[in-house]
Amino acid sequence: MKKTIRDYELNGKKVIIRVDFNVPIKDGIITDNNRIVSSLHTINYAIENGAKVILLSHLGRIKEENDKKDKSLKKVSDRLSELLNKKVIFIDETRGKKLENEVNNLKNGDVLLIENTRFEDLDGKKESKNDEELGKYWASLGDIYINDAFGTSHRSHASNVGIASNLPSGIGFLIEKELNVLEKAIKDPKRPLSVILGGSKVSDKIGVIENLVNIADYILIGGGMAYTFLKAKGLPIGKSLLDEENIDFCKKMLEMYPNKIILPIDTVNAKEIKDDAEYTERFVNDTKEDEIGLDIGHGTVKLFSQYLNESNTIIWNGPVGMFEIDAFSNGTKELCEVITNTKAETIIGGGDTGAAIIKLGFKDKVSHISTGGGASLELLEGKTLPGIEIINEK
């Protein structure tokens, strides 16, 4: 079991907390501050226990100097200050005397946010490739390291693995909750356990399918990946998304687990992908050559509902249709309504699935929405996460 922030005496200590402030910013405005809010429990705990808090986060990807203009964490610092109701010291650099002096001048309960860690990627991807010297430098700024950025824990970066390799370490409350929820759902679920898998490509979910097919009672498949499974059954899919390299994998899964893998029986098809496209709902064996499948149909929703209504645990990773376009969001929306009216614990993977749940107004009606799409996916694959694996054991 990993050490947590509760396992350390924080008073007077410089505590480096890796948070996930990778929030969407449009025209200089933060459009969704959910990730900032999710970090407050750990930050406030550190403040209340007398820590000198040093925060690290990335924001977007930095490939060239021009990317830095709209990827500064200054806006995040201002929003965090409002949420904490106290001043947050923002340092517009990732290393140097200015940063070191401010860190050394911190008083108990102060909060300092360092500039976007990925600014270091302009010089040989030092952050993303876990540069040893950078990890040691950031570690030299603090006494204790706490990882509370679940969304980046599947990556080995200087700001997680690098720092944790050089300091006493623990996890924060956000990661602790993510692990408790996701690992329990996989290792000791209340049964029946049903898994909804969507998204575009089968290749993205091979590891998840191979792991969960041995754990779940049912795997309900929608989204773009469903059409590769339907093709593997010899059904027409028109111009729908096809992951040709993995047709044989789909055939194998269907042959080995015919009663566990549940496929759509009807789909919503259109001839082009656009907001005002004309669309038709058809049984899967009636798809026309010039049609693209873009959502599950009403019959599939009813079929899936039979399994979901019996379930005591539901894990959902990947939208079952192109929910960004209203015409093709119905399947995802109807499944949201189904799962939120069951008795089951409902666990939503991050990324697009979490975005869909929030956009469609079901955020407060599910048990848990993961803050990390890639990280939750790798946990569902049964993988260990480097950013958590490195943390000290109790």
Protein backbone atom coordinates (compact mmCIF):
# COMPACT_ATOMS: atom_id res chain seq x y z
CA MET A 1 0.00 0.00 0.00
CA LYS A 2 1.33 3.40 -0.99
CA LYS A 3 2.07 6.14 1.52
CA THR A 4 -0.34 9.05 1.42
CA ILE A 5 -0.06 12.71 2.37
CA ARG A 6 -1.49 11.72 5.79
CA ASP A 7 1.62 9.66 6.52
CA TYR A 8 3.89 12.70 6.71
CA GLU A 9 4.41 15.51 9.21
CA LEU A 10 3.93 18.54 6.99
CA ASN A 11 4.39 21.46 9.38
CA GLY A 12 7.22 23.69 8.19
CA LYS A 13 8.05 21.32 5.31
CA LYS A 14 8.31 22.33 1.67
CA VAL A 15 5.79 19.96 0.07
CA ILE A 16 5.88 19.57 -3.71
CA ILE A 17 2.47 18.48 -5.01
CA ARG A 18 2.13 17.35 -8.63
CA VAL A 19 -1.40 18.34 -9.60
CA ASP A 20 -3.30 18.09 -12.88
CA PHE A 21 -4.22 21.59 -13.98
CA ASN A 22 -4.42 20.61 -17.66
CA VAL A 23 -7.69 22.49 -18.11
CA PRO A 24 -9.32 23.77 -21.32
CA ILE A 25 -8.70 27.48 -21.95
CA LYS A 26 -10.48 29.33 -24.75
CA ASP A 27 -9.85 33.00 -25.52
CA GLY A 28 -8.01 33.31 -22.21
CA ILE A 29 -10.90 31.88 -20.19
CA ILE A 30 -10.91 28.53 -18.35
CA THR A 31 -14.00 26.75 -19.69
CA ASP A 32 -13.97 23.83 -17.22
CA ASN A 33 -12.19 24.07 -13.86
CA ASN A 34 -13.15 20.56 -12.67
CA ARG A 35 -9.51 19.44 -12.45
CA ILE A 36 -8.56 22.45 -10.35
CA VAL A 37 -11.48 21.82 -8.00
CA SER A 38 -10.52 18.14 -7.75
CA SER A 39 -7.09 19.11 -6.40
CA LEU A 40 -8.38 21.35 -3.59
CA HIS A 41 -8.75 18.61 -0.96
CA THR A 42 -5.05 17.77 -1.05
CA ILE A 43 -3.89 21.40 -1.33
CA ASN A 44 -6.09 22.54 1.55
CA TYR A 45 -4.93 19.63 3.71
CA ALA A 46 -1.31 20.68 3.14
CA ILE A 47 -2.10 24.33 3.93
CA GLU A 48 -4.04 23.45 7.09
CA ASN A 49 -1.15 21.30 8.30
CA GLY A 50 1.42 24.06 7.96
CA ALA A 51 3.14 23.03 4.74
CA LYS A 52 4.92 25.37 2.36
CA VAL A 53 3.09 24.22 -0.77
CA ILE A 54 4.85 24.06 -4.15
CA LEU A 55 2.60 23.06 -7.06
CA LEU A 56 3.68 21.58 -10.40
CA SER A 57 1.48 20.92 -13.43
CA HIS A 58 1.59 20.75 -17.20
CA LEU A 59 -0.86 22.43 -19.58
CA GLY A 60 -1.25 21.12 -23.10
CA ARG A 61 1.69 20.17 -25.30
CA ILE A 62 4.63 22.42 -26.02
CA LYS A 63 6.33 21.73 -29.35
CA GLU A 64 7.65 25.19 -30.28
CA GLU A 65 8.32 28.53 -28.62
CA ASN A 66 5.08 29.98 -29.97
CA ASP A 67 3.05 27.39 -27.99
CA LYS A 68 4.08 29.08 -24.73
CA LYS A 69 1.90 32.14 -25.41
CA ASP A 70 -1.40 30.47 -24.58
CA LYS A 71 -0.11 27.63 -22.40
CA SER A 72 0.97 29.59 -19.34
CA LEU A 73 -0.49 28.56 -15.98
CA LYS A 74 -1.03 32.21 -14.97
CA LYS A 75 -4.80 31.99 -15.60
CA VAL A 76 -4.90 28.78 -13.59
CA SER A 77 -3.03 30.50 -10.76
CA ASP A 78 -5.63 33.28 -10.68
CA ARG A 79 -8.51 30.78 -10.62
CA LEU A 80 -6.84 28.68 -7.92
CA SER A 81 -6.38 31.82 -5.82
CA GLU A 82 -10.13 32.47 -6.04
CA LEU A 83 -10.99 28.88 -5.11
CA LEU A 84 -8.58 28.80 -2.15
CA ASN A 85 -9.56 32.33 -1.14
CA LYS A 86 -5.90 33.19 -0.67
CA LYS A 87 -2.99 34.51 -2.72
CA VAL A 88 -1.17 32.01 -4.90
CA ILE A 89 2.40 32.98 -5.76
CA PHE A 90 2.94 32.36 -9.46
CA ILE A 91 6.46 31.96 -10.86
CA ASP A 92 6.61 32.35 -14.63
CA GLU A 93 9.61 30.05 -15.02
CA THR A 94 10.38 26.39 -14.39
CA ARG A 95 13.81 26.88 -12.84
CA GLY A 96 16.27 29.61 -11.85
CA LYS A 97 17.16 32.06 -9.08
CA LYS A 98 13.78 33.80 -9.07
CA LEU A 99 12.03 30.49 -8.38
CA GLU A 100 14.60 29.39 -5.81
CA ASN A 101 14.41 32.69 -3.90
CA GLU A 102 10.60 32.58 -3.76
CA VAL A 103 10.67 28.96 -2.56
CA ASN A 104 13.16 29.83 0.17
CA ASN A 105 10.98 32.75 1.30
CA LEU A 106 7.81 30.67 1.66
CA LYS A 107 6.05 30.72 5.00
CA ASN A 108 3.92 27.93 6.46
CA GLY A 109 0.60 27.80 4.59
CA ASP A 110 1.88 29.66 1.52
CA VAL A 111 1.09 28.30 -1.94
CA LEU A 112 3.40 28.67 -4.95
CA LEU A 113 2.63 27.52 -8.50
CA ILE A 114 5.51 26.92 -10.91
CA GLU A 115 5.08 27.60 -14.65
CA ASN A 116 3.95 24.83 -17.02
CA THR A 117 6.33 21.88 -16.60
CA ARG A 118 6.20 21.16 -20.33
CA PHE A 119 7.97 24.42 -21.10
CA GLU A 120 10.98 22.19 -20.37
CA ASP A 121 10.04 20.08 -23.41
CA LEU A 122 11.40 22.76 -25.74
CA ASP A 123 14.90 21.68 -24.76
CA GLY A 124 15.03 17.98 -25.60
CA LYS A 125 11.69 17.03 -24.01
CA LYS A 126 13.28 17.10 -20.57
CA GLU A 127 9.90 16.88 -18.77
CA SER A 128 8.21 14.26 -20.95
CA LYS A 129 11.33 12.07 -21.20
CA ASN A 130 12.01 12.22 -17.45
CA ASP A 131 15.36 13.98 -17.64
CA GLU A 132 17.33 12.88 -14.57
CA GLU A 133 18.92 16.27 -13.94
CA LEU A 134 15.55 18.07 -14.15
CA GLY A 135 13.92 15.62 -11.74
CA LYS A 136 16.76 16.17 -9.25
CA TYR A 137 16.52 19.95 -9.64
CA TRP A 138 12.79 20.07 -8.92
CA ALA A 139 13.27 17.65 -6.02
CA SER A 140 15.91 20.00 -4.56
CA LEU A 141 13.18 22.61 -4.07
CA GLY A 142 11.24 20.52 -1.53
CA ASP A 143 11.31 18.09 1.38
CA ILE A 144 8.37 15.82 0.50
CA TYR A 145 6.75 14.90 -2.81
CA ILE A 146 3.03 14.16 -3.20
CA ASN A 147 1.61 12.94 -6.49
CA ASP A 148 -2.03 13.93 -6.92
CA ALA A 149 -2.13 14.07 -10.74
CA PHE A 150 -3.86 10.82 -11.68
CA GLY A 151 -4.23 11.98 -15.28
CA THR A 152 -0.46 11.87 -15.87
CA SER A 153 0.42 8.90 -13.66
CA HIS A 154 0.59 6.53 -16.63
CA ARG A 155 3.53 8.58 -17.92
CA SER A 156 7.10 8.59 -16.61
CA HIS A 157 7.88 12.31 -16.42
CA ALA A 158 10.46 14.38 -14.57
CA SER A 159 7.65 15.96 -12.53
CA ASN A 160 6.40 12.63 -11.17
CA VAL A 161 8.84 9.72 -11.44
CA GLY A 162 11.84 12.07 -11.57
CA ILE A 163 11.03 13.94 -8.36
CA ALA A 164 9.73 10.87 -6.51
CA SER A 165 13.04 9.12 -7.19
CA ASN A 166 14.76 11.77 -5.06
CA LEU A 167 12.37 12.56 -2.20
CA PRO A 168 10.16 10.85 0.40
CA SER A 169 6.85 10.46 -1.44
CA GLY A 170 3.15 9.77 -1.12
CA ILE A 171 -0.14 10.13 -3.00
CA GLY A 172 -2.81 12.76 -2.51
CA PHE A 173 -6.53 12.33 -1.87
CA LEU A 174 -7.52 12.45 -5.56
CA ILE A 175 -5.24 9.57 -6.56
CA GLU A 176 -6.20 7.66 -3.42
CA LYS A 177 -9.87 7.88 -4.42
CA GLU A 178 -9.16 6.92 -8.06
CA LEU A 179 -7.24 3.82 -6.97
CA ASN A 180 -9.82 2.80 -4.38
CA VAL A 181 -12.68 3.04 -6.87
CA LEU A 182 -11.03 1.62 -10.01
CA GLU A 183 -9.00 -1.16 -8.41
CA LYS A 184 -11.92 -2.36 -6.31
CA ALA A 185 -14.17 -2.42 -9.39
CA ILE A 186 -11.64 -4.63 -11.18
CA LYS A 187 -10.38 -6.82 -8.35
CA ASP A 188 -13.47 -7.21 -6.18
CA PRO A 189 -16.58 -5.95 -8.02
CA LYS A 190 -20.13 -6.37 -6.86
CA ARG A 191 -21.54 -8.67 -9.52
CA PRO A 192 -22.82 -8.76 -12.13
CA LEU A 193 -20.14 -6.48 -13.57
CA SER A 194 -20.99 -4.97 -16.96
CA VAL A 195 -18.46 -3.00 -19.00
CA ILE A 196 -19.48 -0.60 -21.76
CA LEU A 197 -16.68 -0.08 -24.26
CA GLY A 198 -16.89 2.55 -26.98
CA GLY A 199 -14.53 4.90 -28.75
CA SER A 200 -13.10 4.68 -32.22
CA LYS A 201 -10.52 1.94 -32.67
CA VAL A 202 -10.31 -1.64 -31.45
CA SER A 203 -6.53 -1.21 -31.30
CA ASP A 204 -6.96 1.33 -28.48
CA LYS A 205 -8.89 -1.17 -26.39
CA ILE A 206 -7.22 -4.54 -27.10
CA GLY A 207 -5.48 -4.60 -23.72
CA VAL A 208 -8.70 -3.61 -21.94
CA ILE A 209 -10.73 -6.30 -23.71
CA GLU A 210 -8.13 -9.00 -23.06
CA ASN A 211 -8.00 -8.12 -19.37
CA LEU A 212 -11.66 -7.43 -18.67
CA VAL A 213 -13.05 -10.37 -20.63
CA ASN A 214 -11.69 -12.52 -17.79
CA ILE A 215 -13.20 -10.27 -15.11
CA ALA A 216 -16.48 -8.84 -16.40
CA ASP A 217 -19.75 -10.71 -16.70
CA TYR A 218 -20.69 -8.78 -19.85
CA ILE A 219 -18.88 -6.46 -22.27
CA LEU A 220 -21.22 -4.22 -24.28
CA ILE A 221 -19.51 -2.78 -27.35
CA GLY A 222 -20.53 0.44 -29.12
CA GLY A 223 -18.84 3.40 -30.79
CA GLY A 224 -16.63 3.20 -33.86
CA MET A 225 -14.97 0.03 -32.59
CA ALA A 226 -18.26 -1.89 -32.84
CA TYR A 227 -18.07 -1.91 -36.64
CA THR A 228 -14.87 -3.96 -36.68
CA PHE A 229 -16.62 -6.55 -34.51
CA LEU A 230 -19.67 -6.48 -36.81
CA LYS A 231 -17.39 -6.91 -39.83
CA ALA A 232 -15.76 -9.87 -38.07
CA LYS A 233 -19.24 -11.44 -37.92
CA GLY A 234 -19.62 -11.01 -41.67
CA LEU A 235 -22.13 -8.16 -41.41
CA PRO A 236 -22.18 -5.16 -43.79
CA ILE A 237 -20.77 -1.95 -42.31
CA GLY A 238 -20.77 0.32 -45.38
CA LYS A 239 -18.23 3.14 -44.96
CA SER A 240 -18.16 2.87 -41.17
CA LEU A 241 -14.89 3.04 -39.29
CA LEU A 242 -12.94 -0.20 -39.70
CA ASP A 243 -9.82 -1.28 -37.82
CA GLU A 244 -8.84 -3.80 -40.49
CA GLU A 245 -5.71 -5.04 -38.74
CA ASN A 246 -7.76 -6.27 -35.79
CA ILE A 247 -10.59 -8.15 -37.53
CA ASP A 248 -8.97 -11.48 -36.61
CA PHE A 249 -8.71 -10.37 -32.96
CA CYS A 250 -12.43 -9.56 -32.98
CA LYS A 251 -13.27 -12.94 -34.54
CA LYS A 252 -11.24 -14.70 -31.87
CA MET A 253 -12.95 -12.81 -29.03
CA LEU A 254 -16.42 -13.51 -30.46
CA GLU A 255 -15.63 -17.21 -30.86
CA MET A 256 -14.19 -17.55 -27.34
CA TYR A 257 -16.77 -15.41 -25.51
CA PRO A 258 -20.01 -15.54 -27.54
CA ASN A 259 -22.23 -14.99 -24.48
CA LYS A 260 -20.10 -12.31 -22.88
CA ILE A 261 -19.43 -9.86 -25.73
CA ILE A 262 -22.65 -8.08 -26.71
CA LEU A 263 -22.79 -6.16 -29.99
CA PRO A 264 -25.26 -3.61 -31.39
CA ILE A 265 -28.31 -4.96 -33.22
CA ASP A 266 -29.12 -1.63 -34.89
CA THR A 267 -27.22 1.56 -35.70
CA VAL A 268 -27.85 5.14 -36.74
CA ASN A 269 -26.38 5.69 -40.20
CA ALA A 270 -25.72 8.72 -42.39
CA LYS A 271 -23.99 9.32 -45.72
CA GLU A 272 -21.81 12.10 -44.33
CA ILE A 273 -20.66 13.37 -40.95
CA LYS A 274 -22.09 16.83 -40.31
CA ASP A 275 -24.50 18.58 -37.96
CA ASP A 276 -27.47 18.63 -40.34
CA ALA A 277 -26.88 15.24 -42.00
CA GLU A 278 -29.92 13.12 -42.83
CA TYR A 279 -29.75 9.84 -40.93
CA THR A 280 -31.53 6.50 -40.78
CA GLU A 281 -31.80 3.86 -38.08
CA ARG A 282 -31.25 0.34 -39.44
CA PHE A 283 -30.71 -3.21 -38.24
CA VAL A 284 -27.02 -4.07 -38.54
CA ASN A 285 -27.62 -6.50 -41.41
CA ASP A 286 -29.30 -3.74 -43.47
CA THR A 287 -26.48 -1.17 -43.59
CA LYS A 288 -26.07 0.26 -47.10
CA GLU A 289 -22.73 0.48 -48.91
CA ASP A 290 -22.66 4.29 -48.90
CA GLU A 291 -23.61 4.69 -45.20
CA ILE A 292 -21.50 5.41 -42.12
CA GLY A 293 -22.58 4.05 -38.73
CA LEU A 294 -22.39 6.88 -36.18
CA ASP A 295 -24.44 5.78 -33.16
CA ILE A 296 -26.21 2.81 -31.62
CA GLY A 297 -29.93 2.51 -32.31
CA HIS A 298 -32.93 2.30 -29.95
CA GLY A 299 -33.03 -1.48 -30.20
CA THR A 300 -29.42 -1.69 -29.03
CA VAL A 301 -30.15 0.64 -26.12
CA LYS A 302 -32.97 -1.74 -25.05
CA LEU A 303 -30.70 -4.76 -25.48
CA PHE A 304 -27.87 -3.18 -23.46
CA SER A 305 -30.38 -2.06 -20.82
CA GLN A 306 -31.28 -5.68 -20.06
CA TYR A 307 -27.70 -6.32 -18.95
CA LEU A 308 -27.19 -2.97 -17.25
CA ASN A 309 -30.38 -3.19 -15.19
CA GLU A 310 -29.18 -6.49 -13.75
CA SER A 311 -25.73 -5.13 -12.90
CA ASN A 312 -24.34 -4.10 -9.54
CA THR A 313 -21.19 -2.56 -11.04
CA ILE A 314 -20.93 -0.72 -14.38
CA ILE A 315 -17.68 0.53 -15.89
CA TRP A 316 -17.96 2.72 -18.98
CA ASN A 317 -15.02 3.69 -21.18
CA GLY A 318 -15.66 5.32 -24.55
CA PRO A 319 -18.81 7.00 -25.97
CA VAL A 320 -21.07 4.70 -28.01
CA GLY A 321 -21.67 7.28 -30.74
CA MET A 322 -20.32 10.55 -32.12
CA PHE A 323 -21.87 12.44 -29.21
CA GLU A 324 -20.28 15.77 -30.23
CA ILE A 325 -22.92 15.98 -32.98
CA ASP A 326 -26.46 16.14 -31.57
CA ALA A 327 -27.91 13.83 -34.19
CA PHE A 328 -25.56 11.05 -33.07
CA SER A 329 -25.57 11.64 -29.31
CA ASN A 330 -28.82 9.82 -28.55
CA GLY A 331 -27.29 6.40 -27.81
CA THR A 332 -24.80 7.84 -25.34
CA LYS A 333 -27.51 9.99 -23.74
CA GLU A 334 -29.98 7.10 -23.40
CA LEU A 335 -27.33 4.86 -21.85
CA CYS A 336 -26.58 7.69 -19.38
CA GLU A 337 -30.24 7.66 -18.40
CA VAL A 338 -30.24 3.87 -18.08
CA ILE A 339 -27.15 3.57 -15.88
CA THR A 340 -28.14 6.46 -13.61
CA ASN A 341 -31.45 4.72 -12.91
CA THR A 342 -29.88 1.40 -11.93
CA LYS A 343 -28.82 0.25 -8.47
CA ALA A 344 -25.26 -0.22 -9.72
CA GLU A 345 -22.09 1.61 -8.79
CA THR A 346 -21.34 3.55 -11.99
CA ILE A 347 -17.71 4.26 -12.85
CA ILE A 348 -16.89 6.45 -15.84
CA GLY A 349 -13.48 6.51 -17.53
CA GLY A 350 -12.01 9.95 -18.07
CA GLY A 351 -11.36 11.60 -21.41
CA ASP A 352 -14.19 11.58 -23.95
CA THR A 353 -16.49 9.46 -21.77
CA GLY A 354 -16.26 11.88 -18.86
CA ALA A 355 -16.72 14.81 -21.26
CA ALA A 356 -19.85 13.18 -22.68
CA ILE A 357 -21.35 12.53 -19.24
CA ILE A 358 -20.69 16.14 -18.20
CA LYS A 359 -21.93 17.65 -21.50
CA LEU A 360 -25.15 15.63 -21.37
CA GLY A 361 -25.88 16.73 -17.78
CA PHE A 362 -25.25 13.51 -15.83
CA LYS A 363 -22.13 14.54 -13.90
CA ASP A 364 -23.79 14.42 -10.48
CA LYS A 365 -25.77 11.24 -11.18
CA VAL A 366 -22.90 8.75 -11.51
CA SER A 367 -20.74 7.30 -8.74
CA HIS A 368 -17.35 8.30 -10.11
CA ILE A 369 -15.88 10.09 -13.13
CA SER A 370 -12.17 9.43 -13.46
CA THR A 371 -9.91 12.45 -13.90
CA GLY A 372 -7.56 10.48 -16.16
CA GLY A 373 -8.59 8.95 -19.48
CA GLY A 374 -5.27 7.30 -20.37
CA ALA A 375 -4.47 6.40 -16.77
CA SER A 376 -7.85 4.79 -16.13
CA LEU A 377 -7.57 2.90 -19.42
CA GLU A 378 -4.19 1.45 -18.41
CA LEU A 379 -5.56 0.42 -15.01
CA LEU A 380 -8.40 -1.37 -16.81
CA GLU A 381 -5.73 -3.13 -18.88
CA GLY A 382 -4.18 -4.39 -15.66
CA LYS A 383 -1.03 -2.28 -16.08
CA THR A 384 0.89 -0.53 -13.33
CA LEU A 385 1.21 3.25 -13.53
CA PRO A 386 4.83 4.54 -13.31
CA GLY A 387 3.86 7.75 -11.49
CA ILE A 388 2.23 5.70 -8.73
CA GLU A 389 4.53 2.68 -8.79
CA ILE A 390 7.50 4.89 -7.78
CA ILE A 391 5.74 6.17 -4.64
CA ASN A 392 7.05 4.93 -1.26
CA GLU A 393 5.27 1.97 0.31
CA LYS A 394 3.88 2.18 3.84
